[in-house]
Amino acid sequence: MLVTTKEMLLDAKKNHYGVGAFNVENLEFVMAVLKAAEETKSPVIMQTTPGTIKAAGLDYFYGMVKAAAERTEVPVALHLDHGDGYNRCMQALRTGYTSVMIDGSHELFEDNIALTKLVADAGAAMGVPVEAELGKVGGKEDDGPAVEGENPYTDPDEAVEFVERTGCTSLAIGVGTAHGVYVGTPHIQQDVVKAIASKLDIPLVLHGTSGVPDEQVAEAIKNGKDPFADENAGKAGKGRKNSDAGDPATTAPSVGGAASSPSTGDSSSASTPKLTGKAFHDASKRVSAIERKLAKLEEQKADLEAQMAAHDPSDYEGLGKLNEQLQAVTDESESLEMEWMELSEQLE
């Protein structure tokens, strides 16, 4: 089943284990990752980088991972890794990705906050978690090389301010790991992990764990309480108790914002009062009116998302205003959906 990373990582935080995230470059990668997740009964995050999707497109990878997720009971999330701009993240959200990362770590602190907040607000409006990065992961990813002499470690106090001001749902931190192949033995700065974890309540993300000794990753999971290890790390399920493995009840069943045809749930509930006579007639008219309004709101949302995609990505103020309008439309849709569901149960 295809889920968001929200419930997946909250369960990892609660039960103190790490969730593996693996780059998938083609169908064979997807099948191999899924097989390993099923064998270990572990939730798994499959992810694509901007470089990967240039070869085939977001829809291509979404189709493969969605098909794989529908064939298993193991929770599967599809994540955009190192999103290289607002537009790229919006494209992934519209395609159906269930998690995105906006990597503004190359920007100045204030610019990173502004960019991350834009994406986090859009993700919140669409019900999709957004990962951000503060500090610097060494090595080279498709988003660019590390800068020589740059402090790679995330400052714990800056992390608190960053999360509070952006609303990101998870944070990638710089603690000494690097992307790519290690020349020597890597070393995770565990005191930095501890310091950041002591100040934040959201899940932490540990990038560049391919080649990091298992004991270091396990210690980071313990110290950070909740990080997930990514970049084909081979660590899916590390630190996980067998009794916790792959429990589908702990994951989110769906993603996205307002739906055009909301589900009514269990209509057979004996506790729901049924309407008759004039009350039934009035409720029927109201349901029809809500459905028409929801359809118009869906059109408004699509128009606002199109405007945001075409907008100058450097105009943070303009994008922020569009984001506020999108959030208002989404809130109205959700409120109407709740009313629709209550009335529909009474009419059945």
C-alpha atoms as a PDB file:
ATOM      1  CA  MET A   1       0.000   0.000   0.000  1.00  0.00           C
ATOM      2  CA  LEU A   2       1.170   3.489  -0.910  1.00  0.00           C
ATOM      3  CA  VAL A   3       1.206   5.808   2.109  1.00  0.00           C
ATOM      4  CA  THR A   4       2.717   9.092   3.229  1.00  0.00           C
ATOM      5  CA  THR A   5       5.800   9.146   5.439  1.00  0.00           C
ATOM      6  CA  LYS A   6       3.955  10.965   8.222  1.00  0.00           C
ATOM      7  CA  GLU A   7       2.502   8.015  10.134  1.00  0.00           C
ATOM      8  CA  MET A   8       5.409   5.818   9.075  1.00  0.00           C
ATOM      9  CA  LEU A   9       7.975   8.084  10.751  1.00  0.00           C
ATOM     10  CA  LEU A  10       5.815   8.846  13.768  1.00  0.00           C
ATOM     11  CA  ASP A  11       5.614   5.115  14.446  1.00  0.00           C
ATOM     12  CA  ALA A  12       9.383   4.870  13.998  1.00  0.00           C
ATOM     13  CA  LYS A  13       9.826   7.682  16.510  1.00  0.00           C
ATOM     14  CA  LYS A  14       7.433   6.079  18.990  1.00  0.00           C
ATOM     15  CA  ASN A  15       9.034   2.632  18.777  1.00  0.00           C
ATOM     16  CA  HIS A  16      12.653   3.775  18.297  1.00  0.00           C
ATOM     17  CA  TYR A  17      13.638   2.294  14.950  1.00  0.00           C
ATOM     18  CA  GLY A  18      14.902   3.631  11.642  1.00  0.00           C
ATOM     19  CA  VAL A  19      13.084   3.458   8.309  1.00  0.00           C
ATOM     20  CA  GLY A  20      15.191   2.793   5.221  1.00  0.00           C
ATOM     21  CA  ALA A  21      14.894   5.045   2.172  1.00  0.00           C
ATOM     22  CA  PHE A  22      16.361   3.735  -1.080  1.00  0.00           C
ATOM     23  CA  ASN A  23      17.027   5.376  -4.437  1.00  0.00           C
ATOM     24  CA  VAL A  24      15.221   3.464  -7.198  1.00  0.00           C
ATOM     25  CA  GLU A  25      16.631   3.934 -10.682  1.00  0.00           C
ATOM     26  CA  ASN A  26      14.461   1.484 -12.633  1.00  0.00           C
ATOM     27  CA  LEU A  27      11.897  -1.319 -12.326  1.00  0.00           C
ATOM     28  CA  GLU A  28      14.461  -3.839 -11.104  1.00  0.00           C
ATOM     29  CA  PHE A  29      15.440  -1.534  -8.248  1.00  0.00           C
ATOM     30  CA  VAL A  30      11.785  -1.139  -7.251  1.00  0.00           C
ATOM     31  CA  MET A  31      11.219  -4.895  -7.249  1.00  0.00           C
ATOM     32  CA  ALA A  32      14.403  -5.588  -5.275  1.00  0.00           C
ATOM     33  CA  VAL A  33      13.633  -2.987  -2.604  1.00  0.00           C
ATOM     34  CA  LEU A  34      10.074  -4.258  -2.230  1.00  0.00           C
ATOM     35  CA  LYS A  35      11.262  -7.852  -1.900  1.00  0.00           C
ATOM     36  CA  ALA A  36      13.688  -6.897   0.886  1.00  0.00           C
ATOM     37  CA  ALA A  37      10.991  -4.901   2.691  1.00  0.00           C
ATOM     38  CA  GLU A  38       8.577  -7.838   2.535  1.00  0.00           C
ATOM     39  CA  GLU A  39      11.193 -10.304   3.761  1.00  0.00           C
ATOM     40  CA  THR A  40      12.026  -8.097   6.760  1.00  0.00           C
ATOM     41  CA  LYS A  41       8.405  -6.958   7.272  1.00  0.00           C
ATOM     42  CA  SER A  42       9.626  -3.373   7.311  1.00  0.00           C
ATOM     43  CA  PRO A  43       8.050  -0.173   6.024  1.00  0.00           C
ATOM     44  CA  VAL A  44      10.110   1.327   3.220  1.00  0.00           C
ATOM     45  CA  ILE A  45      10.613   4.607   1.417  1.00  0.00           C
ATOM     46  CA  MET A  46      11.441   4.496  -2.288  1.00  0.00           C
ATOM     47  CA  GLN A  47      12.882   7.723  -3.613  1.00  0.00           C
ATOM     48  CA  THR A  48      14.015   9.429  -6.795  1.00  0.00           C
ATOM     49  CA  THR A  49      16.399  12.352  -7.220  1.00  0.00           C
ATOM     50  CA  PRO A  50      16.075  15.168  -9.770  1.00  0.00           C
ATOM     51  CA  GLY A  51      18.802  13.460 -11.801  1.00  0.00           C
ATOM     52  CA  THR A  52      16.901  10.172 -11.879  1.00  0.00           C
ATOM     53  CA  ILE A  53      13.611  11.652 -13.028  1.00  0.00           C
ATOM     54  CA  LYS A  54      15.284  13.521 -15.878  1.00  0.00           C
ATOM     55  CA  ALA A  55      15.766  10.132 -17.530  1.00  0.00           C
ATOM     56  CA  ALA A  56      12.120   9.057 -17.445  1.00  0.00           C
ATOM     57  CA  GLY A  57       9.859  11.544 -15.668  1.00  0.00           C
ATOM     58  CA  LEU A  58       8.015  11.683 -12.356  1.00  0.00           C
ATOM     59  CA  ASP A  59       4.952   9.889 -13.728  1.00  0.00           C
ATOM     60  CA  TYR A  60       7.064   6.929 -14.865  1.00  0.00           C
ATOM     61  CA  PHE A  61       8.476   6.300 -11.391  1.00  0.00           C
ATOM     62  CA  TYR A  62       5.149   7.027  -9.703  1.00  0.00           C
ATOM     63  CA  GLY A  63       3.521   4.360 -11.865  1.00  0.00           C
ATOM     64  CA  MET A  64       6.140   1.741 -11.000  1.00  0.00           C
ATOM     65  CA  VAL A  65       6.132   2.370  -7.258  1.00  0.00           C
ATOM     66  CA  LYS A  66       2.340   2.642  -7.079  1.00  0.00           C
ATOM     67  CA  ALA A  67       2.003  -0.733  -8.831  1.00  0.00           C
ATOM     68  CA  ALA A  68       4.524  -2.285  -6.430  1.00  0.00           C
ATOM     69  CA  ALA A  69       2.794  -0.788  -3.378  1.00  0.00           C
ATOM     70  CA  GLU A  70      -0.590  -2.154  -4.445  1.00  0.00           C
ATOM     71  CA  ARG A  71       0.812  -5.693  -4.449  1.00  0.00           C
ATOM     72  CA  THR A  72       1.982  -5.693  -0.846  1.00  0.00           C
ATOM     73  CA  GLU A  73       0.762  -5.130   2.707  1.00  0.00           C
ATOM     74  CA  VAL A  74       4.086  -3.507   3.613  1.00  0.00           C
ATOM     75  CA  PRO A  75       3.752   0.297   3.895  1.00  0.00           C
ATOM     76  CA  VAL A  76       5.511   1.974   0.942  1.00  0.00           C
ATOM     77  CA  ALA A  77       6.107   5.712   0.491  1.00  0.00           C
ATOM     78  CA  LEU A  78       7.313   7.454  -2.677  1.00  0.00           C
ATOM     79  CA  HIS A  79       9.681  10.332  -1.881  1.00  0.00           C
ATOM     80  CA  LEU A  80      11.311  13.080  -3.946  1.00  0.00           C
ATOM     81  CA  ASP A  81      14.887  13.235  -2.667  1.00  0.00           C
ATOM     82  CA  HIS A  82      16.830  16.514  -2.780  1.00  0.00           C
ATOM     83  CA  GLY A  83      14.111  18.484  -4.536  1.00  0.00           C
ATOM     84  CA  ASP A  84      15.993  21.224  -6.368  1.00  0.00           C
ATOM     85  CA  GLY A  85      13.398  23.978  -6.263  1.00  0.00           C
ATOM     86  CA  TYR A  86       9.799  24.919  -5.589  1.00  0.00           C
ATOM     87  CA  ASN A  87       8.590  23.963  -9.067  1.00  0.00           C
ATOM     88  CA  ARG A  88      10.144  20.500  -8.911  1.00  0.00           C
ATOM     89  CA  CYS A  89       8.462  19.799  -5.580  1.00  0.00           C
ATOM     90  CA  MET A  90       5.102  20.990  -6.887  1.00  0.00           C
ATOM     91  CA  GLN A  91       5.464  18.720  -9.913  1.00  0.00           C
ATOM     92  CA  ALA A  92       6.082  15.765  -7.607  1.00  0.00           C
ATOM     93  CA  LEU A  93       3.115  16.663  -5.400  1.00  0.00           C
ATOM     94  CA  ARG A  94       0.794  16.941  -8.398  1.00  0.00           C
ATOM     95  CA  THR A  95       2.086  13.638  -9.810  1.00  0.00           C
ATOM     96  CA  GLY A  96       1.168  11.786  -6.630  1.00  0.00           C
ATOM     97  CA  TYR A  97       4.416  11.511  -4.667  1.00  0.00           C
ATOM     98  CA  THR A  98       3.573  10.866  -1.017  1.00  0.00           C
ATOM     99  CA  SER A  99       6.575  12.721   0.408  1.00  0.00           C
ATOM    100  CA  VAL A 100       8.914  15.417  -0.906  1.00  0.00           C
ATOM    101  CA  MET A 101      12.185  16.994   0.139  1.00  0.00           C
ATOM    102  CA  ILE A 102      13.065  20.592  -0.598  1.00  0.00           C
ATOM    103  CA  ASP A 103      16.820  21.028  -0.340  1.00  0.00           C
ATOM    104  CA  GLY A 104      17.607  24.662   0.354  1.00  0.00           C
ATOM    105  CA  SER A 105      20.813  23.854   2.205  1.00  0.00           C
ATOM    106  CA  HIS A 106      22.873  25.685  -0.438  1.00  0.00           C
ATOM    107  CA  GLU A 107      20.960  28.894   0.277  1.00  0.00           C
ATOM    108  CA  LEU A 108      21.600  31.414   3.021  1.00  0.00           C
ATOM    109  CA  PHE A 109      19.720  30.637   6.254  1.00  0.00           C
ATOM    110  CA  GLU A 110      16.905  33.138   5.654  1.00  0.00           C
ATOM    111  CA  ASP A 111      16.516  32.128   2.004  1.00  0.00           C
ATOM    112  CA  ASN A 112      16.440  28.458   2.993  1.00  0.00           C
ATOM    113  CA  ILE A 113      13.645  29.258   5.454  1.00  0.00           C
ATOM    114  CA  ALA A 114      11.640  31.205   2.853  1.00  0.00           C
ATOM    115  CA  LEU A 115      11.948  28.479   0.208  1.00  0.00           C
ATOM    116  CA  THR A 116      11.238  25.648   2.622  1.00  0.00           C
ATOM    117  CA  LYS A 117       8.181  27.370   4.058  1.00  0.00           C
ATOM    118  CA  LEU A 118       6.676  27.747   0.580  1.00  0.00           C
ATOM    119  CA  VAL A 119       6.977  24.044  -0.104  1.00  0.00           C
ATOM    120  CA  ALA A 120       5.939  23.034   3.426  1.00  0.00           C
ATOM    121  CA  ASP A 121       2.796  25.179   3.175  1.00  0.00           C
ATOM    122  CA  ALA A 122       1.919  23.615  -0.182  1.00  0.00           C
ATOM    123  CA  GLY A 123       2.543  20.132   1.184  1.00  0.00           C
ATOM    124  CA  ALA A 124       0.360  20.821   4.223  1.00  0.00           C
ATOM    125  CA  ALA A 125      -2.450  22.001   1.949  1.00  0.00           C
ATOM    126  CA  MET A 126      -2.206  18.745  -0.029  1.00  0.00           C
ATOM    127  CA  GLY A 127      -1.706  16.447   2.952  1.00  0.00           C
ATOM    128  CA  VAL A 128       1.857  15.476   2.015  1.00  0.00           C
ATOM    129  CA  PRO A 129       4.867  15.600   4.408  1.00  0.00           C
ATOM    130  CA  VAL A 130       7.832  17.815   3.495  1.00  0.00           C
ATOM    131  CA  GLU A 131      11.440  17.128   4.464  1.00  0.00           C
ATOM    132  CA  ALA A 132      13.976  19.967   4.576  1.00  0.00           C
ATOM    133  CA  GLU A 133      17.751  20.136   5.041  1.00  0.00           C
ATOM    134  CA  LEU A 134      19.797  22.338   7.349  1.00  0.00           C
ATOM    135  CA  GLY A 135      23.556  21.996   7.569  1.00  0.00           C
ATOM    136  CA  LYS A 136      25.487  20.112   4.942  1.00  0.00           C
ATOM    137  CA  VAL A 137      25.821  16.488   3.926  1.00  0.00           C
ATOM    138  CA  GLY A 138      29.261  15.941   2.411  1.00  0.00           C
ATOM    139  CA  GLY A 139      30.155  14.295  -0.888  1.00  0.00           C
ATOM    140  CA  LYS A 140      28.179  14.947  -4.027  1.00  0.00           C
ATOM    141  CA  GLU A 141      24.482  14.546  -4.816  1.00  0.00           C
ATOM    142  CA  ASP A 142      22.796  15.810  -7.994  1.00  0.00           C
ATOM    143  CA  ASP A 143      22.076  19.053  -6.180  1.00  0.00           C
ATOM    144  CA  GLY A 144      25.775  20.008  -6.223  1.00  0.00           C
ATOM    145  CA  PRO A 145      29.095  19.407  -4.463  1.00  0.00           C
ATOM    146  CA  ALA A 146      29.974  20.300  -0.911  1.00  0.00           C
ATOM    147  CA  VAL A 147      31.891  23.548  -0.454  1.00  0.00           C
ATOM    148  CA  GLU A 148      35.416  23.130   0.899  1.00  0.00           C
ATOM    149  CA  GLY A 149      35.829  24.685   4.341  1.00  0.00           C
ATOM    150  CA  GLU A 150      32.081  24.872   4.934  1.00  0.00           C
ATOM    151  CA  ASN A 151      30.916  23.760   8.376  1.00  0.00           C
ATOM    152  CA  PRO A 152      28.975  20.545   7.657  1.00  0.00           C
ATOM    153  CA  TYR A 153      27.275  20.240  11.044  1.00  0.00           C
ATOM    154  CA  THR A 154      23.762  21.419  11.783  1.00  0.00           C
ATOM    155  CA  ASP A 155      23.516  23.953  14.600  1.00  0.00           C
ATOM    156  CA  PRO A 156      20.914  22.708  17.150  1.00  0.00           C
ATOM    157  CA  ASP A 157      19.606  26.194  17.972  1.00  0.00           C
ATOM    158  CA  GLU A 158      19.300  27.101  14.299  1.00  0.00           C
ATOM    159  CA  ALA A 159      17.436  23.823  13.773  1.00  0.00           C
ATOM    160  CA  VAL A 160      14.815  24.845  16.334  1.00  0.00           C
ATOM    161  CA  GLU A 161      14.256  28.222  14.685  1.00  0.00           C
ATOM    162  CA  PHE A 162      14.244  26.669  11.223  1.00  0.00           C
ATOM    163  CA  VAL A 163      11.573  24.081  12.039  1.00  0.00           C
ATOM    164  CA  GLU A 164       9.389  26.600  13.883  1.00  0.00           C
ATOM    165  CA  ARG A 165       9.451  29.090  11.012  1.00  0.00           C
ATOM    166  CA  THR A 166       9.105  26.656   8.097  1.00  0.00           C
ATOM    167  CA  GLY A 167       6.700  23.996   9.339  1.00  0.00           C
ATOM    168  CA  CYS A 168       8.712  21.184   7.729  1.00  0.00           C
ATOM    169  CA  THR A 169       7.684  17.730   8.966  1.00  0.00           C
ATOM    170  CA  SER A 170      11.152  16.136   9.042  1.00  0.00           C
ATOM    171  CA  LEU A 171      14.681  17.499   8.945  1.00  0.00           C
ATOM    172  CA  ALA A 172      17.839  16.220   7.262  1.00  0.00           C
ATOM    173  CA  ILE A 173      20.818  17.118   9.422  1.00  0.00           C
ATOM    174  CA  GLY A 174      24.543  17.387   8.813  1.00  0.00           C
ATOM    175  CA  VAL A 175      26.367  15.095  11.242  1.00  0.00           C
ATOM    176  CA  GLY A 176      29.423  13.938   9.293  1.00  0.00           C
ATOM    177  CA  THR A 177      27.957  11.617   6.662  1.00  0.00           C
ATOM    178  CA  ALA A 178      28.455  12.072   2.912  1.00  0.00           C
ATOM    179  CA  HIS A 179      26.824  11.052  -0.335  1.00  0.00           C
ATOM    180  CA  GLY A 180      28.578   8.595  -2.602  1.00  0.00           C
ATOM    181  CA  VAL A 181      31.432   6.210  -1.872  1.00  0.00           C
ATOM    182  CA  TYR A 182      33.549   6.782   1.236  1.00  0.00           C
ATOM    183  CA  VAL A 183      37.336   6.854   0.863  1.00  0.00           C
ATOM    184  CA  GLY A 184      37.951   6.133   4.551  1.00  0.00           C
ATOM    185  CA  THR A 185      35.768   4.991   7.437  1.00  0.00           C
ATOM    186  CA  PRO A 186      32.914   7.478   7.945  1.00  0.00           C
ATOM    187  CA  HIS A 187      32.125   8.853  11.365  1.00  0.00           C
ATOM    188  CA  ILE A 188      28.741  10.102  12.578  1.00  0.00           C
ATOM    189  CA  GLN A 189      29.090  12.924  15.102  1.00  0.00           C
ATOM    190  CA  GLN A 190      26.782  11.389  17.708  1.00  0.00           C
ATOM    191  CA  ASP A 191      26.871  14.361  20.076  1.00  0.00           C
ATOM    192  CA  VAL A 192      25.389  16.544  17.329  1.00  0.00           C
ATOM    193  CA  VAL A 193      22.620  13.977  16.766  1.00  0.00           C
ATOM    194  CA  LYS A 194      21.849  13.960  20.491  1.00  0.00           C
ATOM    195  CA  ALA A 195      21.850  17.748  20.779  1.00  0.00           C
ATOM    196  CA  ILE A 196      19.453  18.225  17.866  1.00  0.00           C
ATOM    197  CA  ALA A 197      17.153  15.379  18.928  1.00  0.00           C
ATOM    198  CA  SER A 198      16.879  16.857  22.411  1.00  0.00           C
ATOM    199  CA  LYS A 199      15.486  20.091  20.973  1.00  0.00           C
ATOM    200  CA  LEU A 200      13.169  18.845  18.188  1.00  0.00           C
ATOM    201  CA  ASP A 201      10.048  16.694  18.182  1.00  0.00           C
ATOM    202  CA  ILE A 202       9.960  15.962  14.453  1.00  0.00           C
ATOM    203  CA  PRO A 203      11.721  12.976  12.798  1.00  0.00           C
ATOM    204  CA  LEU A 204      15.355  13.465  11.812  1.00  0.00           C
ATOM    205  CA  VAL A 205      16.801  12.274   8.513  1.00  0.00           C
ATOM    206  CA  LEU A 206      20.287  10.824   8.115  1.00  0.00           C
ATOM    207  CA  HIS A 207      21.588  11.076   4.552  1.00  0.00           C
ATOM    208  CA  GLY A 208      24.590   9.316   3.077  1.00  0.00           C
ATOM    209  CA  THR A 209      24.566   6.113   5.161  1.00  0.00           C
ATOM    210  CA  SER A 210      25.782   3.810   2.392  1.00  0.00           C
ATOM    211  CA  GLY A 211      29.033   2.407   3.739  1.00  0.00           C
ATOM    212  CA  VAL A 212      28.512   3.681   7.291  1.00  0.00           C
ATOM    213  CA  PRO A 213      29.152   0.848   9.808  1.00  0.00           C
ATOM    214  CA  ASP A 214      25.945  -0.720  11.129  1.00  0.00           C
ATOM    215  CA  GLU A 215      26.812   0.042  14.740  1.00  0.00           C
ATOM    216  CA  GLN A 216      27.129   3.769  13.991  1.00  0.00           C
ATOM    217  CA  VAL A 217      23.743   3.846  12.294  1.00  0.00           C
ATOM    218  CA  ALA A 218      22.157   1.914  15.178  1.00  0.00           C
ATOM    219  CA  GLU A 219      23.691   4.348  17.666  1.00  0.00           C
ATOM    220  CA  ALA A 220      22.412   7.331  15.660  1.00  0.00           C
ATOM    221  CA  ILE A 221      18.913   5.828  15.672  1.00  0.00           C
ATOM    222  CA  LYS A 222      19.136   5.456  19.439  1.00  0.00           C
ATOM    223  CA  ASN A 223      20.534   8.954  19.956  1.00  0.00           C
ATOM    224  CA  GLY A 224      18.187  10.618  17.498  1.00  0.00           C
ATOM    225  CA  LYS A 225      15.174   8.542  18.571  1.00  0.00           C
ATOM    226  CA  ASP A 226      13.756   8.563  15.043  1.00  0.00           C
ATOM    227  CA  PRO A 227      16.025   9.212  12.039  1.00  0.00           C
ATOM    228  CA  PHE A 228      15.620   7.227   8.853  1.00  0.00           C
ATOM    229  CA  ALA A 229      18.654   6.243   6.847  1.00  0.00           C
ATOM    230  CA  ASP A 230      18.625   6.840   3.118  1.00  0.00           C
ATOM    231  CA  GLU A 231      20.632   6.652  -0.145  1.00  0.00           C
ATOM    232  CA  ASN A 232      20.463   2.905  -0.725  1.00  0.00           C
ATOM    233  CA  ALA A 233      21.746   2.402   2.775  1.00  0.00           C
ATOM    234  CA  GLY A 234      20.780  -1.233   3.171  1.00  0.00           C
ATOM    235  CA  LYS A 235      19.521  -0.409   6.634  1.00  0.00           C
ATOM    236  CA  ALA A 236      15.777  -1.005   6.276  1.00  0.00           C
ATOM    237  CA  GLY A 237      14.458  -2.288   9.565  1.00  0.00           C
ATOM    238  CA  LYS A 238      17.642  -1.614  11.532  1.00  0.00           C
ATOM    239  CA  GLY A 239      16.827  -1.202  15.205  1.00  0.00           C
ATOM    240  CA  ARG A 240      13.282  -2.425  14.611  1.00  0.00           C
ATOM    241  CA  LYS A 241      11.544  -4.877  16.898  1.00  0.00           C
ATOM    242  CA  ASN A 242      10.028  -7.887  15.144  1.00  0.00           C
ATOM    243  CA  SER A 243       6.750  -7.329  16.955  1.00  0.00           C
ATOM    244  CA  ASP A 244       6.526  -3.868  15.355  1.00  0.00           C
ATOM    245  CA  ALA A 245       7.351  -5.000  11.841  1.00  0.00           C
ATOM    246  CA  GLY A 246       5.155  -3.933   9.001  1.00  0.00           C
ATOM    247  CA  ASP A 247       2.016  -3.230  11.006  1.00  0.00           C
ATOM    248  CA  PRO A 248      -0.269  -1.655   8.399  1.00  0.00           C
ATOM    249  CA  ALA A 249      -2.496  -0.232  11.112  1.00  0.00           C
ATOM    250  CA  THR A 250       0.170   2.314  12.003  1.00  0.00           C
ATOM    251  CA  THR A 251       0.308   3.890   8.533  1.00  0.00           C
ATOM    252  CA  ALA A 252      -1.785   6.452   6.721  1.00  0.00           C
ATOM    253  CA  PRO A 253      -4.221   4.842   4.262  1.00  0.00           C
ATOM    254  CA  SER A 254      -4.295   7.682   1.753  1.00  0.00           C
ATOM    255  CA  VAL A 255      -2.838  11.029   0.718  1.00  0.00           C
ATOM    256  CA  GLY A 256      -3.930  14.243  -0.905  1.00  0.00           C
ATOM    257  CA  GLY A 257      -6.247  17.129  -0.214  1.00  0.00           C
ATOM    258  CA  ALA A 258      -9.974  17.514  -0.790  1.00  0.00           C
ATOM    259  CA  ALA A 259     -11.548  14.822  -2.922  1.00  0.00           C
ATOM    260  CA  SER A 260     -14.340  15.390  -5.390  1.00  0.00           C
ATOM    261  CA  SER A 261     -16.283  12.393  -4.075  1.00  0.00           C
ATOM    262  CA  PRO A 262     -15.534  11.960  -0.350  1.00  0.00           C
ATOM    263  CA  SER A 263     -15.959   8.522   1.178  1.00  0.00           C
ATOM    264  CA  THR A 264     -18.874   8.183   3.568  1.00  0.00           C
ATOM    265  CA  GLY A 265     -17.299   5.431   5.642  1.00  0.00           C
ATOM    266  CA  ASP A 266     -19.488   2.774   7.272  1.00  0.00           C
ATOM    267  CA  SER A 267     -23.066   3.731   6.441  1.00  0.00           C
ATOM    268  CA  SER A 268     -24.494   0.895   8.499  1.00  0.00           C
ATOM    269  CA  SER A 269     -23.661   2.493  11.844  1.00  0.00           C
ATOM    270  CA  ALA A 270     -26.706   2.203  14.102  1.00  0.00           C
ATOM    271  CA  SER A 271     -25.627   5.299  16.051  1.00  0.00           C
ATOM    272  CA  THR A 272     -26.208   7.640  13.094  1.00  0.00           C
ATOM    273  CA  PRO A 273     -29.722   9.178  13.161  1.00  0.00           C
ATOM    274  CA  LYS A 274     -31.607   8.912   9.854  1.00  0.00           C
ATOM    275  CA  LEU A 275     -33.576  11.810   8.359  1.00  0.00           C
ATOM    276  CA  THR A 276     -37.144  11.685   7.045  1.00  0.00           C
ATOM    277  CA  GLY A 277     -39.710  14.024   5.516  1.00  0.00           C
ATOM    278  CA  LYS A 278     -38.775  17.686   5.082  1.00  0.00           C
ATOM    279  CA  ALA A 279     -35.484  17.224   6.916  1.00  0.00           C
ATOM    280  CA  PHE A 280     -34.508  14.527   4.391  1.00  0.00           C
ATOM    281  CA  HIS A 281     -35.469  16.827   1.495  1.00  0.00           C
ATOM    282  CA  ASP A 282     -33.498  19.781   2.885  1.00  0.00           C
ATOM    283  CA  ALA A 283     -30.450  17.625   3.582  1.00  0.00           C
ATOM    284  CA  SER A 284     -30.557  16.224   0.043  1.00  0.00           C
ATOM    285  CA  LYS A 285     -30.550  19.734  -1.388  1.00  0.00           C
ATOM    286  CA  ARG A 286     -27.661  20.700   0.873  1.00  0.00           C
ATOM    287  CA  VAL A 287     -25.636  17.647  -0.203  1.00  0.00           C
ATOM    288  CA  SER A 288     -26.147  18.573  -3.861  1.00  0.00           C
ATOM    289  CA  ALA A 289     -25.074  22.145  -3.149  1.00  0.00           C
ATOM    290  CA  ILE A 290     -21.939  20.948  -1.325  1.00  0.00           C
ATOM    291  CA  GLU A 291     -20.990  18.687  -4.228  1.00  0.00           C
ATOM    292  CA  ARG A 292     -21.297  21.596  -6.675  1.00  0.00           C
ATOM    293  CA  LYS A 293     -19.228  23.809  -4.381  1.00  0.00           C
ATOM    294  CA  LEU A 294     -16.558  21.134  -3.956  1.00  0.00           C
ATOM    295  CA  ALA A 295     -16.247  20.823  -7.727  1.00  0.00           C
ATOM    296  CA  LYS A 296     -15.703  24.590  -8.015  1.00  0.00           C
ATOM    297  CA  LEU A 297     -13.148  24.517  -5.198  1.00  0.00           C
ATOM    298  CA  GLU A 298     -11.260  21.742  -6.980  1.00  0.00           C
ATOM    299  CA  GLU A 299     -11.101  23.974 -10.059  1.00  0.00           C
ATOM    300  CA  GLN A 300      -9.839  26.853  -7.923  1.00  0.00           C
ATOM    301  CA  LYS A 301      -7.168  24.642  -6.395  1.00  0.00           C
ATOM    302  CA  ALA A 302      -6.003  23.469  -9.817  1.00  0.00           C
ATOM    303  CA  ASP A 303      -5.867  27.066 -11.054  1.00  0.00           C
ATOM    304  CA  LEU A 304      -3.872  28.237  -8.020  1.00  0.00           C
ATOM    305  CA  GLU A 305      -1.443  25.332  -8.330  1.00  0.00           C
ATOM    306  CA  ALA A 306      -0.957  26.186 -12.020  1.00  0.00           C
ATOM    307  CA  GLN A 307      -0.299  29.822 -11.134  1.00  0.00           C
ATOM    308  CA  MET A 308       2.246  28.768  -8.520  1.00  0.00           C
ATOM    309  CA  ALA A 309       3.991  26.450 -10.962  1.00  0.00           C
ATOM    310  CA  ALA A 310       4.291  29.252 -13.532  1.00  0.00           C
ATOM    311  CA  HIS A 311       5.270  31.900 -10.976  1.00  0.00           C
ATOM    312  CA  ASP A 312       8.805  33.227 -10.634  1.00  0.00           C
ATOM    313  CA  PRO A 313      10.351  30.863  -8.016  1.00  0.00           C
ATOM    314  CA  SER A 314      12.481  33.690  -6.629  1.00  0.00           C
ATOM    315  CA  ASP A 315       9.394  35.790  -5.817  1.00  0.00           C
ATOM    316  CA  TYR A 316       8.817  34.386  -2.338  1.00  0.00           C
ATOM    317  CA  GLU A 317       6.283  37.081  -1.430  1.00  0.00           C
ATOM    318  CA  GLY A 318       4.111  36.423  -4.473  1.00  0.00           C
ATOM    319  CA  LEU A 319       4.287  32.666  -4.003  1.00  0.00           C
ATOM    320  CA  GLY A 320       3.450  33.110  -0.344  1.00  0.00           C
ATOM    321  CA  LYS A 321       0.246  34.971  -1.203  1.00  0.00           C
ATOM    322  CA  LEU A 322      -0.773  32.253  -3.656  1.00  0.00           C
ATOM    323  CA  ASN A 323      -0.016  29.658  -0.992  1.00  0.00           C
ATOM    324  CA  GLU A 324      -2.300  31.454   1.463  1.00  0.00           C
ATOM    325  CA  GLN A 325      -5.119  31.400  -1.094  1.00  0.00           C
ATOM    326  CA  LEU A 326      -4.531  27.688  -1.724  1.00  0.00           C
ATOM    327  CA  GLN A 327      -4.621  26.952   2.006  1.00  0.00           C
ATOM    328  CA  ALA A 328      -7.895  28.869   2.389  1.00  0.00           C
ATOM    329  CA  VAL A 329      -9.495  26.911  -0.466  1.00  0.00           C
ATOM    330  CA  THR A 330      -8.235  23.642   1.005  1.00  0.00           C
ATOM    331  CA  ASP A 331      -9.594  24.477   4.464  1.00  0.00           C
ATOM    332  CA  GLU A 332     -13.004  25.301   2.996  1.00  0.00           C
ATOM    333  CA  SER A 333     -12.993  22.027   1.052  1.00  0.00           C
ATOM    334  CA  GLU A 334     -12.162  19.995   4.137  1.00  0.00           C
ATOM    335  CA  SER A 335     -14.921  21.673   6.143  1.00  0.00           C
ATOM    336  CA  LEU A 336     -17.476  20.987   3.411  1.00  0.00           C
ATOM    337  CA  GLU A 337     -16.296  17.384   3.111  1.00  0.00           C
ATOM    338  CA  MET A 338     -16.960  16.809   6.793  1.00  0.00           C
ATOM    339  CA  GLU A 339     -20.462  18.248   6.446  1.00  0.00           C
ATOM    340  CA  TRP A 340     -21.023  16.141   3.301  1.00  0.00           C
ATOM    341  CA  MET A 341     -20.046  12.968   5.113  1.00  0.00           C
ATOM    342  CA  GLU A 342     -22.311  13.658   8.103  1.00  0.00           C
ATOM    343  CA  LEU A 343     -25.323  14.446   5.937  1.00  0.00           C
ATOM    344  CA  SER A 344     -24.727  11.504   3.616  1.00  0.00           C
ATOM    345  CA  GLU A 345     -24.703   9.077   6.537  1.00  0.00           C
ATOM    346  CA  GLN A 346     -28.035  10.435   7.727  1.00  0.00           C
ATOM    347  CA  LEU A 347     -29.568  10.152   4.243  1.00  0.00           C
ATOM    348  CA  GLU A 348     -28.665   6.478   3.727  1.00  0.00           C
END
